[in-house]
N, C-alpha and C. Protein backbone atom coordinates (compact mmCIF):
# COMPACT_ATOMS: atom_id res chain seq x y z
N UNK A 1 0.82 -1.19 0.00
CA UNK A 1 0.00 0.00 0.00
C UNK A 1 0.87 1.26 0.00
N UNK A 2 1.94 1.21 0.85
CA UNK A 2 2.84 2.36 0.90
C UNK A 2 3.49 2.60 -0.45
N UNK A 3 3.82 1.50 -1.14
CA UNK A 3 4.47 1.63 -2.44
C UNK A 3 3.56 2.35 -3.42
N UNK A 4 2.26 2.05 -3.41
CA UNK A 4 1.30 2.71 -4.29
C UNK A 4 1.22 4.21 -4.00
N UNK A 5 1.20 4.57 -2.74
CA UNK A 5 1.14 5.97 -2.34
C UNK A 5 2.41 6.70 -2.79
N UNK A 6 3.55 6.07 -2.61
CA UNK A 6 4.82 6.69 -3.00
C UNK A 6 4.87 6.85 -4.51
N UNK A 7 4.45 5.84 -5.25
CA UNK A 7 4.44 5.92 -6.72
C UNK A 7 3.50 7.02 -7.21
N UNK A 8 2.35 7.14 -6.59
CA UNK A 8 1.41 8.22 -6.96
C UNK A 8 2.03 9.58 -6.70
N UNK A 9 2.68 9.71 -5.56
CA UNK A 9 3.33 10.97 -5.21
C UNK A 9 4.45 11.32 -6.20
N UNK A 10 5.27 10.33 -6.57
CA UNK A 10 6.35 10.54 -7.55
C UNK A 10 5.76 10.92 -8.91
N UNK A 11 4.69 10.25 -9.31
CA UNK A 11 4.04 10.55 -10.59
C UNK A 11 3.51 12.00 -10.61
N UNK A 12 2.89 12.41 -9.54
CA UNK A 12 2.35 13.78 -9.45
C UNK A 12 3.48 14.80 -9.53
N UNK A 13 4.56 14.57 -8.83
CA UNK A 13 5.72 15.48 -8.87
C UNK A 13 6.31 15.56 -10.27
N UNK A 14 6.45 14.42 -10.92
CA UNK A 14 7.05 14.39 -12.26
C UNK A 14 6.19 15.13 -13.27
N UNK A 15 4.88 14.89 -13.24
CA UNK A 15 4.00 15.56 -14.22
C UNK A 15 3.90 17.05 -13.94
N UNK A 16 3.94 17.45 -12.68
CA UNK A 16 3.84 18.89 -12.38
C UNK A 16 5.11 19.62 -12.82
N UNK A 17 6.27 18.99 -12.69
CA UNK A 17 7.51 19.65 -13.14
C UNK A 17 7.55 19.72 -14.66
N UNK A 18 7.06 18.71 -15.35
CA UNK A 18 6.99 18.74 -16.81
C UNK A 18 6.03 19.83 -17.26
N UNK A 19 4.91 19.94 -16.58
CA UNK A 19 3.92 20.99 -16.90
C UNK A 19 4.53 22.38 -16.69
N UNK A 20 5.26 22.56 -15.61
CA UNK A 20 5.88 23.86 -15.33
C UNK A 20 6.91 24.21 -16.39
N UNK A 21 7.72 23.22 -16.82
CA UNK A 21 8.70 23.46 -17.87
C UNK A 21 8.02 23.81 -19.19
N UNK A 22 6.94 23.10 -19.51
CA UNK A 22 6.20 23.34 -20.74
C UNK A 22 5.58 24.74 -20.73
N UNK A 23 5.05 25.14 -19.58
CA UNK A 23 4.45 26.46 -19.43
C UNK A 23 5.51 27.55 -19.60
N UNK A 24 6.69 27.34 -19.05
CA UNK A 24 7.78 28.31 -19.19
C UNK A 24 8.21 28.41 -20.64
N UNK A 25 8.28 27.29 -21.34
CA UNK A 25 8.66 27.29 -22.76
C UNK A 25 7.63 28.05 -23.59
N UNK A 26 6.36 27.86 -23.33
CA UNK A 26 5.30 28.58 -24.05
C UNK A 26 5.40 30.08 -23.80
N UNK A 27 5.70 30.46 -22.56
CA UNK A 27 5.85 31.87 -22.22
C UNK A 27 7.01 32.49 -22.98
N UNK A 28 8.12 31.75 -23.08
CA UNK A 28 9.29 32.24 -23.81
C UNK A 28 8.98 32.39 -25.30
N UNK A 29 8.23 31.44 -25.87
CA UNK A 29 7.85 31.53 -27.28
C UNK A 29 6.96 32.74 -27.53
N UNK A 30 5.99 32.96 -26.64
CA UNK A 30 5.11 34.12 -26.77
C UNK A 30 5.90 35.42 -26.69
N UNK A 31 6.84 35.46 -25.77
CA UNK A 31 7.67 36.66 -25.59
C UNK A 31 8.50 36.91 -26.85
N UNK A 32 9.05 35.86 -27.44
CA UNK A 32 9.84 36.00 -28.67
C UNK A 32 8.96 36.49 -29.82
N UNK A 33 7.75 35.94 -29.94
CA UNK A 33 6.81 36.40 -30.98
C UNK A 33 6.45 37.86 -30.75
N UNK A 34 6.24 38.24 -29.50
CA UNK A 34 5.92 39.63 -29.18
C UNK A 34 7.05 40.55 -29.59
N UNK A 35 8.29 40.16 -29.35
CA UNK A 35 9.44 40.98 -29.74
C UNK A 35 9.50 41.15 -31.25
N UNK A 36 9.22 40.08 -32.01
CA UNK A 36 9.19 40.16 -33.48
C UNK A 36 8.10 41.14 -33.93
N UNK A 37 6.92 41.01 -33.36
CA UNK A 37 5.81 41.89 -33.72
C UNK A 37 6.13 43.34 -33.35
N UNK A 38 6.71 43.54 -32.19
CA UNK A 38 7.08 44.88 -31.75
C UNK A 38 8.13 45.50 -32.67
N UNK A 39 9.11 44.71 -33.11
CA UNK A 39 10.11 45.20 -34.05
C UNK A 39 9.48 45.60 -35.38
N UNK A 40 8.50 44.82 -35.82
CA UNK A 40 7.79 45.15 -37.05
C UNK A 40 7.07 46.49 -36.92
N UNK A 41 6.37 46.69 -35.84
CA UNK A 41 5.64 47.94 -35.62
C UNK A 41 6.61 49.11 -35.49
N UNK A 42 7.70 48.91 -34.76
CA UNK A 42 8.68 49.98 -34.58
C UNK A 42 9.42 50.32 -35.87
N UNK A 43 9.42 49.41 -36.85
CA UNK A 43 10.06 49.70 -38.14
C UNK A 43 9.29 50.79 -38.89
N UNK A 44 8.00 50.94 -38.56
CA UNK A 44 7.19 51.98 -39.20
C UNK A 44 6.60 51.57 -40.53
N UNK A 45 6.85 50.33 -40.96
CA UNK A 45 6.29 49.85 -42.23
C UNK A 45 5.69 48.47 -42.02
N UNK A 46 4.37 48.41 -42.11
CA UNK A 46 3.66 47.15 -41.93
C UNK A 46 2.31 47.23 -42.62
N UNK A 47 1.68 46.06 -42.76
CA UNK A 47 0.38 45.94 -43.42
C UNK A 47 -0.58 45.19 -42.50
N UNK A 48 -1.81 45.68 -42.42
CA UNK A 48 -2.89 44.96 -41.76
C UNK A 48 -3.79 44.42 -42.86
N UNK A 49 -4.07 43.12 -42.84
CA UNK A 49 -4.99 42.50 -43.79
C UNK A 49 -6.11 41.85 -42.99
N UNK A 50 -7.34 42.23 -43.31
CA UNK A 50 -8.50 41.73 -42.57
C UNK A 50 -9.02 40.43 -43.17
N UNK A 51 -9.50 39.56 -42.29
CA UNK A 51 -10.18 38.34 -42.76
C UNK A 51 -11.65 38.31 -42.34
N UNK A 52 -12.05 39.23 -41.44
CA UNK A 52 -13.46 39.35 -41.04
C UNK A 52 -13.76 40.82 -40.77
N UNK A 53 -15.02 41.18 -40.99
CA UNK A 53 -15.50 42.53 -40.69
C UNK A 53 -16.79 42.42 -39.90
N UNK A 54 -17.00 43.38 -39.00
CA UNK A 54 -18.24 43.40 -38.25
C UNK A 54 -18.69 44.85 -38.12
N UNK A 55 -19.83 45.14 -38.76
CA UNK A 55 -20.40 46.49 -38.68
C UNK A 55 -21.12 46.64 -37.35
N UNK A 56 -21.35 47.87 -36.96
CA UNK A 56 -22.04 48.16 -35.70
C UNK A 56 -23.40 47.46 -35.69
N UNK A 57 -23.61 46.59 -34.72
CA UNK A 57 -24.88 45.89 -34.59
C UNK A 57 -25.13 44.81 -35.61
N UNK A 58 -24.15 44.53 -36.47
CA UNK A 58 -24.34 43.53 -37.52
C UNK A 58 -23.62 42.24 -37.25
N UNK A 59 -23.79 41.33 -38.16
CA UNK A 59 -23.11 40.04 -38.01
C UNK A 59 -21.72 40.11 -38.64
N UNK A 60 -20.92 39.14 -38.35
CA UNK A 60 -19.56 39.07 -38.86
C UNK A 60 -19.57 38.62 -40.32
N UNK A 61 -18.73 39.27 -41.14
CA UNK A 61 -18.68 38.98 -42.57
C UNK A 61 -17.28 38.49 -42.92
N UNK A 62 -17.21 37.35 -43.62
CA UNK A 62 -15.94 36.77 -44.02
C UNK A 62 -15.34 37.58 -45.17
N UNK A 63 -14.08 37.97 -45.06
CA UNK A 63 -13.42 38.78 -46.08
C UNK A 63 -12.26 38.05 -46.75
N UNK A 64 -12.13 36.75 -46.55
CA UNK A 64 -10.96 36.05 -47.08
C UNK A 64 -10.86 36.12 -48.60
N UNK A 65 -11.97 36.24 -49.30
CA UNK A 65 -11.91 36.34 -50.76
C UNK A 65 -12.03 37.80 -51.23
N UNK A 66 -12.02 38.74 -50.30
CA UNK A 66 -12.14 40.17 -50.59
C UNK A 66 -10.77 40.83 -50.40
N UNK A 67 -10.13 41.32 -51.44
CA UNK A 67 -8.85 41.98 -51.21
C UNK A 67 -9.04 43.24 -50.38
N UNK A 68 -8.19 43.43 -49.38
CA UNK A 68 -8.29 44.59 -48.50
C UNK A 68 -6.96 44.79 -47.81
N UNK A 69 -6.70 46.01 -47.37
CA UNK A 69 -5.44 46.28 -46.69
C UNK A 69 -5.47 47.63 -45.99
N UNK A 70 -4.58 47.77 -45.03
CA UNK A 70 -4.22 49.04 -44.41
C UNK A 70 -2.71 49.01 -44.35
N UNK A 71 -2.05 49.91 -45.07
CA UNK A 71 -0.59 49.97 -45.10
C UNK A 71 -0.14 51.20 -44.33
N UNK A 72 0.75 50.98 -43.39
CA UNK A 72 1.41 52.08 -42.68
C UNK A 72 2.84 52.10 -43.18
N UNK A 73 3.24 53.24 -43.72
CA UNK A 73 4.59 53.39 -44.25
C UNK A 73 5.14 54.73 -43.80
N UNK A 74 6.04 54.64 -42.83
CA UNK A 74 6.62 55.84 -42.21
C UNK A 74 5.50 56.67 -41.60
N UNK A 75 5.22 57.84 -42.13
CA UNK A 75 4.19 58.71 -41.55
C UNK A 75 2.95 58.81 -42.43
N UNK A 76 2.77 57.83 -43.33
CA UNK A 76 1.62 57.81 -44.21
C UNK A 76 0.81 56.54 -44.01
N UNK A 77 -0.46 56.62 -44.37
CA UNK A 77 -1.34 55.45 -44.31
C UNK A 77 -2.13 55.37 -45.61
N UNK A 78 -2.34 54.14 -46.06
CA UNK A 78 -3.16 53.89 -47.23
C UNK A 78 -4.08 52.72 -46.91
N UNK A 79 -5.35 52.86 -47.22
CA UNK A 79 -6.31 51.80 -46.92
C UNK A 79 -7.28 51.60 -48.05
N UNK A 80 -7.68 50.37 -48.22
CA UNK A 80 -8.78 49.99 -49.11
C UNK A 80 -9.49 48.83 -48.41
N UNK A 81 -10.51 49.17 -47.65
CA UNK A 81 -11.25 48.20 -46.85
C UNK A 81 -12.72 48.24 -47.23
N UNK A 82 -13.39 47.09 -47.31
CA UNK A 82 -14.82 47.11 -47.59
C UNK A 82 -15.59 47.70 -46.41
N UNK A 83 -16.73 48.31 -46.70
CA UNK A 83 -17.53 48.88 -45.63
C UNK A 83 -18.93 48.30 -45.66
N UNK A 84 -19.41 47.87 -44.50
CA UNK A 84 -20.76 47.35 -44.32
C UNK A 84 -21.35 48.11 -43.14
N UNK A 85 -22.27 48.96 -43.39
CA UNK A 85 -22.84 49.73 -42.30
C UNK A 85 -23.65 50.90 -42.83
N UNK A 86 -23.90 51.86 -41.96
CA UNK A 86 -24.71 53.02 -42.32
C UNK A 86 -23.83 54.21 -42.64
N UNK A 87 -24.26 54.95 -43.66
CA UNK A 87 -23.63 56.23 -43.96
C UNK A 87 -24.59 57.33 -43.52
N UNK A 88 -24.07 58.36 -42.89
CA UNK A 88 -24.91 59.42 -42.36
C UNK A 88 -25.12 60.55 -43.36
N UNK A 89 -24.38 60.51 -44.46
CA UNK A 89 -24.58 61.48 -45.55
C UNK A 89 -24.60 60.69 -46.85
N UNK A 90 -25.01 61.33 -47.93
CA UNK A 90 -25.05 60.67 -49.23
C UNK A 90 -23.64 60.31 -49.66
N UNK A 91 -23.45 59.09 -50.13
CA UNK A 91 -22.12 58.62 -50.53
C UNK A 91 -21.92 58.72 -52.04
N UNK A 92 -22.93 59.10 -52.79
CA UNK A 92 -22.79 59.19 -54.25
C UNK A 92 -23.17 57.90 -54.92
N UNK A 93 -23.00 57.87 -56.23
CA UNK A 93 -23.42 56.72 -57.03
C UNK A 93 -22.24 55.95 -57.61
N UNK A 94 -21.09 56.10 -57.05
CA UNK A 94 -19.90 55.46 -57.62
C UNK A 94 -19.95 53.94 -57.51
N UNK A 95 -20.75 53.40 -56.63
CA UNK A 95 -20.85 51.95 -56.46
C UNK A 95 -19.79 51.40 -55.51
N UNK A 96 -18.77 52.18 -55.19
CA UNK A 96 -17.73 51.73 -54.28
C UNK A 96 -17.75 52.62 -53.05
N UNK A 97 -18.30 52.10 -51.98
CA UNK A 97 -18.38 52.92 -50.76
C UNK A 97 -17.46 52.38 -49.68
N UNK A 98 -16.39 51.72 -50.09
CA UNK A 98 -15.44 51.19 -49.13
C UNK A 98 -14.69 52.30 -48.42
N UNK A 99 -13.95 51.92 -47.40
CA UNK A 99 -13.13 52.87 -46.68
C UNK A 99 -11.81 52.98 -47.43
N UNK A 100 -11.60 54.13 -48.04
CA UNK A 100 -10.39 54.36 -48.83
C UNK A 100 -9.77 55.68 -48.41
N UNK A 101 -8.49 55.63 -48.15
CA UNK A 101 -7.76 56.86 -47.88
C UNK A 101 -6.29 56.65 -48.18
N UNK A 102 -5.61 57.74 -48.41
CA UNK A 102 -4.17 57.74 -48.60
C UNK A 102 -3.67 59.12 -48.20
N UNK A 103 -2.78 59.15 -47.24
CA UNK A 103 -2.26 60.43 -46.80
C UNK A 103 -1.50 60.34 -45.51
N UNK A 104 -1.07 61.48 -45.01
CA UNK A 104 -0.30 61.49 -43.76
C UNK A 104 -1.18 61.17 -42.56
N UNK A 105 -0.58 60.46 -41.60
CA UNK A 105 -1.29 60.14 -40.36
C UNK A 105 -1.11 61.29 -39.38
N UNK A 106 -2.13 61.48 -38.56
CA UNK A 106 -2.13 62.53 -37.54
C UNK A 106 -2.28 61.85 -36.18
N UNK A 107 -1.60 62.36 -35.19
CA UNK A 107 -1.70 61.84 -33.81
C UNK A 107 -1.38 60.35 -33.73
N UNK A 108 -0.35 59.90 -34.44
CA UNK A 108 0.07 58.50 -34.40
C UNK A 108 0.67 58.20 -33.03
N UNK A 109 0.11 57.20 -32.34
CA UNK A 109 0.52 56.89 -30.98
C UNK A 109 0.58 55.37 -30.80
N UNK A 110 1.71 54.88 -30.30
CA UNK A 110 1.90 53.45 -30.06
C UNK A 110 2.07 53.23 -28.56
N UNK A 111 1.28 52.31 -28.01
CA UNK A 111 1.40 51.92 -26.60
C UNK A 111 1.65 50.42 -26.56
N UNK A 112 2.66 50.01 -25.82
CA UNK A 112 2.90 48.57 -25.68
C UNK A 112 2.67 48.16 -24.24
N UNK A 113 2.08 46.99 -24.08
CA UNK A 113 1.83 46.43 -22.76
C UNK A 113 2.65 45.15 -22.66
N UNK A 114 3.80 45.23 -21.99
CA UNK A 114 4.70 44.08 -21.89
C UNK A 114 4.11 42.96 -21.05
N UNK A 115 3.26 43.29 -20.08
CA UNK A 115 2.65 42.25 -19.23
C UNK A 115 1.65 41.41 -20.01
N UNK A 116 0.82 42.08 -20.81
CA UNK A 116 -0.21 41.37 -21.57
C UNK A 116 0.24 41.02 -22.99
N UNK A 117 1.47 41.42 -23.35
CA UNK A 117 2.03 41.16 -24.68
C UNK A 117 1.10 41.69 -25.78
N UNK A 118 0.71 42.96 -25.65
CA UNK A 118 -0.19 43.60 -26.60
C UNK A 118 0.35 44.96 -27.01
N UNK A 119 -0.01 45.39 -28.22
CA UNK A 119 0.37 46.69 -28.74
C UNK A 119 -0.91 47.39 -29.19
N UNK A 120 -1.05 48.66 -28.85
CA UNK A 120 -2.20 49.44 -29.28
C UNK A 120 -1.69 50.65 -30.07
N UNK A 121 -2.24 50.84 -31.26
CA UNK A 121 -1.85 51.95 -32.12
C UNK A 121 -3.09 52.77 -32.43
N UNK A 122 -3.00 54.07 -32.24
CA UNK A 122 -4.10 54.98 -32.55
C UNK A 122 -3.58 56.04 -33.50
N UNK A 123 -4.40 56.39 -34.49
CA UNK A 123 -4.04 57.48 -35.40
C UNK A 123 -5.28 57.96 -36.14
N UNK A 124 -5.13 59.10 -36.81
CA UNK A 124 -6.20 59.66 -37.63
C UNK A 124 -5.67 59.91 -39.03
N UNK A 125 -6.57 59.78 -40.00
CA UNK A 125 -6.23 60.05 -41.40
C UNK A 125 -7.41 60.78 -42.03
N UNK A 126 -7.09 61.78 -42.84
CA UNK A 126 -8.14 62.53 -43.52
C UNK A 126 -8.14 62.15 -44.99
N UNK A 127 -9.33 61.85 -45.51
CA UNK A 127 -9.49 61.63 -46.94
C UNK A 127 -10.14 62.88 -47.52
N UNK A 128 -10.62 62.80 -48.73
CA UNK A 128 -11.22 63.96 -49.37
C UNK A 128 -12.38 64.52 -48.58
N UNK A 129 -13.31 63.65 -48.15
CA UNK A 129 -14.52 64.10 -47.46
C UNK A 129 -14.66 63.64 -46.03
N UNK A 130 -13.74 62.80 -45.55
CA UNK A 130 -13.92 62.18 -44.24
C UNK A 130 -12.68 62.28 -43.38
N UNK A 131 -12.91 62.16 -42.09
CA UNK A 131 -11.83 62.01 -41.12
C UNK A 131 -12.01 60.65 -40.47
N UNK A 132 -11.00 59.80 -40.57
CA UNK A 132 -11.05 58.45 -40.00
C UNK A 132 -10.19 58.40 -38.74
N UNK A 133 -10.76 57.81 -37.69
CA UNK A 133 -10.02 57.55 -36.46
C UNK A 133 -9.84 56.04 -36.38
N UNK A 134 -8.59 55.60 -36.35
CA UNK A 134 -8.27 54.18 -36.39
C UNK A 134 -7.61 53.74 -35.09
N UNK A 135 -8.02 52.56 -34.61
CA UNK A 135 -7.46 51.97 -33.40
C UNK A 135 -7.09 50.54 -33.75
N UNK A 136 -5.79 50.23 -33.73
CA UNK A 136 -5.30 48.91 -34.10
C UNK A 136 -4.73 48.25 -32.84
N UNK A 137 -5.34 47.13 -32.42
CA UNK A 137 -4.89 46.36 -31.26
C UNK A 137 -4.25 45.07 -31.77
N UNK A 138 -2.99 44.85 -31.38
CA UNK A 138 -2.22 43.73 -31.92
C UNK A 138 -1.79 42.82 -30.78
N UNK A 139 -1.99 41.51 -30.97
CA UNK A 139 -1.56 40.53 -29.97
C UNK A 139 -0.10 40.16 -30.22
N UNK A 140 0.46 39.34 -29.33
CA UNK A 140 1.86 38.95 -29.43
C UNK A 140 2.19 38.25 -30.74
N UNK A 141 1.21 37.54 -31.31
CA UNK A 141 1.45 36.75 -32.51
C UNK A 141 1.24 37.52 -33.81
N UNK A 142 0.73 38.74 -33.72
CA UNK A 142 0.47 39.53 -34.92
C UNK A 142 -0.99 39.53 -35.34
N UNK A 143 -1.83 38.76 -34.66
CA UNK A 143 -3.26 38.86 -34.96
C UNK A 143 -3.74 40.20 -34.40
N UNK A 144 -4.67 40.81 -35.12
CA UNK A 144 -5.02 42.19 -34.77
C UNK A 144 -6.49 42.49 -35.01
N UNK A 145 -6.95 43.55 -34.36
CA UNK A 145 -8.29 44.07 -34.54
C UNK A 145 -8.16 45.55 -34.87
N UNK A 146 -8.78 45.95 -35.98
CA UNK A 146 -8.77 47.35 -36.40
C UNK A 146 -10.18 47.90 -36.24
N UNK A 147 -10.33 48.96 -35.46
CA UNK A 147 -11.61 49.65 -35.31
C UNK A 147 -11.49 50.97 -36.06
N UNK A 148 -12.49 51.26 -36.89
CA UNK A 148 -12.48 52.49 -37.67
C UNK A 148 -13.75 53.28 -37.38
N UNK A 149 -13.56 54.53 -36.99
CA UNK A 149 -14.66 55.46 -36.80
C UNK A 149 -14.52 56.57 -37.83
N UNK A 150 -15.65 57.05 -38.32
CA UNK A 150 -15.66 58.11 -39.32
C UNK A 150 -16.64 59.18 -38.89
N UNK A 151 -16.45 60.37 -39.43
CA UNK A 151 -17.39 61.45 -39.12
C UNK A 151 -18.68 61.34 -39.92
N UNK A 152 -18.74 60.48 -40.96
CA UNK A 152 -19.97 60.37 -41.75
C UNK A 152 -20.46 58.92 -41.92
N UNK A 153 -19.88 57.99 -41.18
CA UNK A 153 -20.30 56.58 -41.26
C UNK A 153 -20.36 55.97 -39.86
N UNK A 154 -21.02 54.83 -39.80
CA UNK A 154 -21.07 54.10 -38.53
C UNK A 154 -19.73 53.37 -38.29
N UNK A 155 -19.52 53.00 -37.06
CA UNK A 155 -18.31 52.30 -36.64
C UNK A 155 -18.24 50.93 -37.30
N UNK A 156 -17.02 50.48 -37.62
CA UNK A 156 -16.81 49.13 -38.14
C UNK A 156 -15.53 48.56 -37.55
N UNK A 157 -15.51 47.24 -37.38
CA UNK A 157 -14.35 46.55 -36.82
C UNK A 157 -13.90 45.45 -37.77
N UNK A 158 -12.58 45.33 -37.92
CA UNK A 158 -11.99 44.30 -38.77
C UNK A 158 -11.07 43.44 -37.92
N UNK A 159 -11.10 42.12 -38.14
CA UNK A 159 -10.18 41.19 -37.51
C UNK A 159 -9.25 40.66 -38.58
N UNK A 160 -7.97 40.58 -38.28
CA UNK A 160 -7.00 40.10 -39.26
C UNK A 160 -5.62 39.94 -38.66
N UNK A 161 -4.61 40.18 -39.49
CA UNK A 161 -3.22 40.02 -39.07
C UNK A 161 -2.38 41.21 -39.54
N UNK A 162 -1.31 41.44 -38.80
CA UNK A 162 -0.31 42.43 -39.17
C UNK A 162 0.90 41.68 -39.68
N UNK A 163 1.45 42.15 -40.79
CA UNK A 163 2.62 41.49 -41.38
C UNK A 163 3.52 42.49 -42.06
N UNK A 164 4.64 42.02 -42.57
CA UNK A 164 5.56 42.92 -43.26
C UNK A 164 4.97 43.33 -44.60
N UNK A 165 5.46 44.40 -45.16
CA UNK A 165 4.96 44.89 -46.45
C UNK A 165 5.41 43.98 -47.59
N UNK A 166 6.40 43.12 -47.33
CA UNK A 166 6.88 42.19 -48.38
C UNK A 166 5.93 41.02 -48.62
N UNK A 167 5.15 40.67 -47.62
CA UNK A 167 4.27 39.49 -47.74
C UNK A 167 3.06 39.76 -48.60
């Protein structure tokens, strides 16, 4: 009976130390991925590509077959993202009411949270008729959420990834 108790105790100790080592290894991998993502953001040149969109109060829409992007290059931003939501003013008859802009960014701000391994980027961009306020939240692995607010449209959120401009 004592032998069974001792064997159980040894088994518990062995599995808990293996679990602790595995947990430490995962933490180190996450930290390394976070450093890579942080270096990409600090380079000032990266691309956000969305795979899902969600309009205010709407359902999630798959964008994997829809080409879209947000490119940050130094102090400029360029975007071509589909829009699903309400417009508060007439958008015209062009047939393309996506979120499109190209120009200098205003109030570009990067905050990193080393404890949670997250990066938050806020900036504004003006197009011909609109002012866009963008909030990009990036996880350690590069998966990201982009929230876009406009002065003439409803809020929209995109889920996707951040990557280098070469990809």
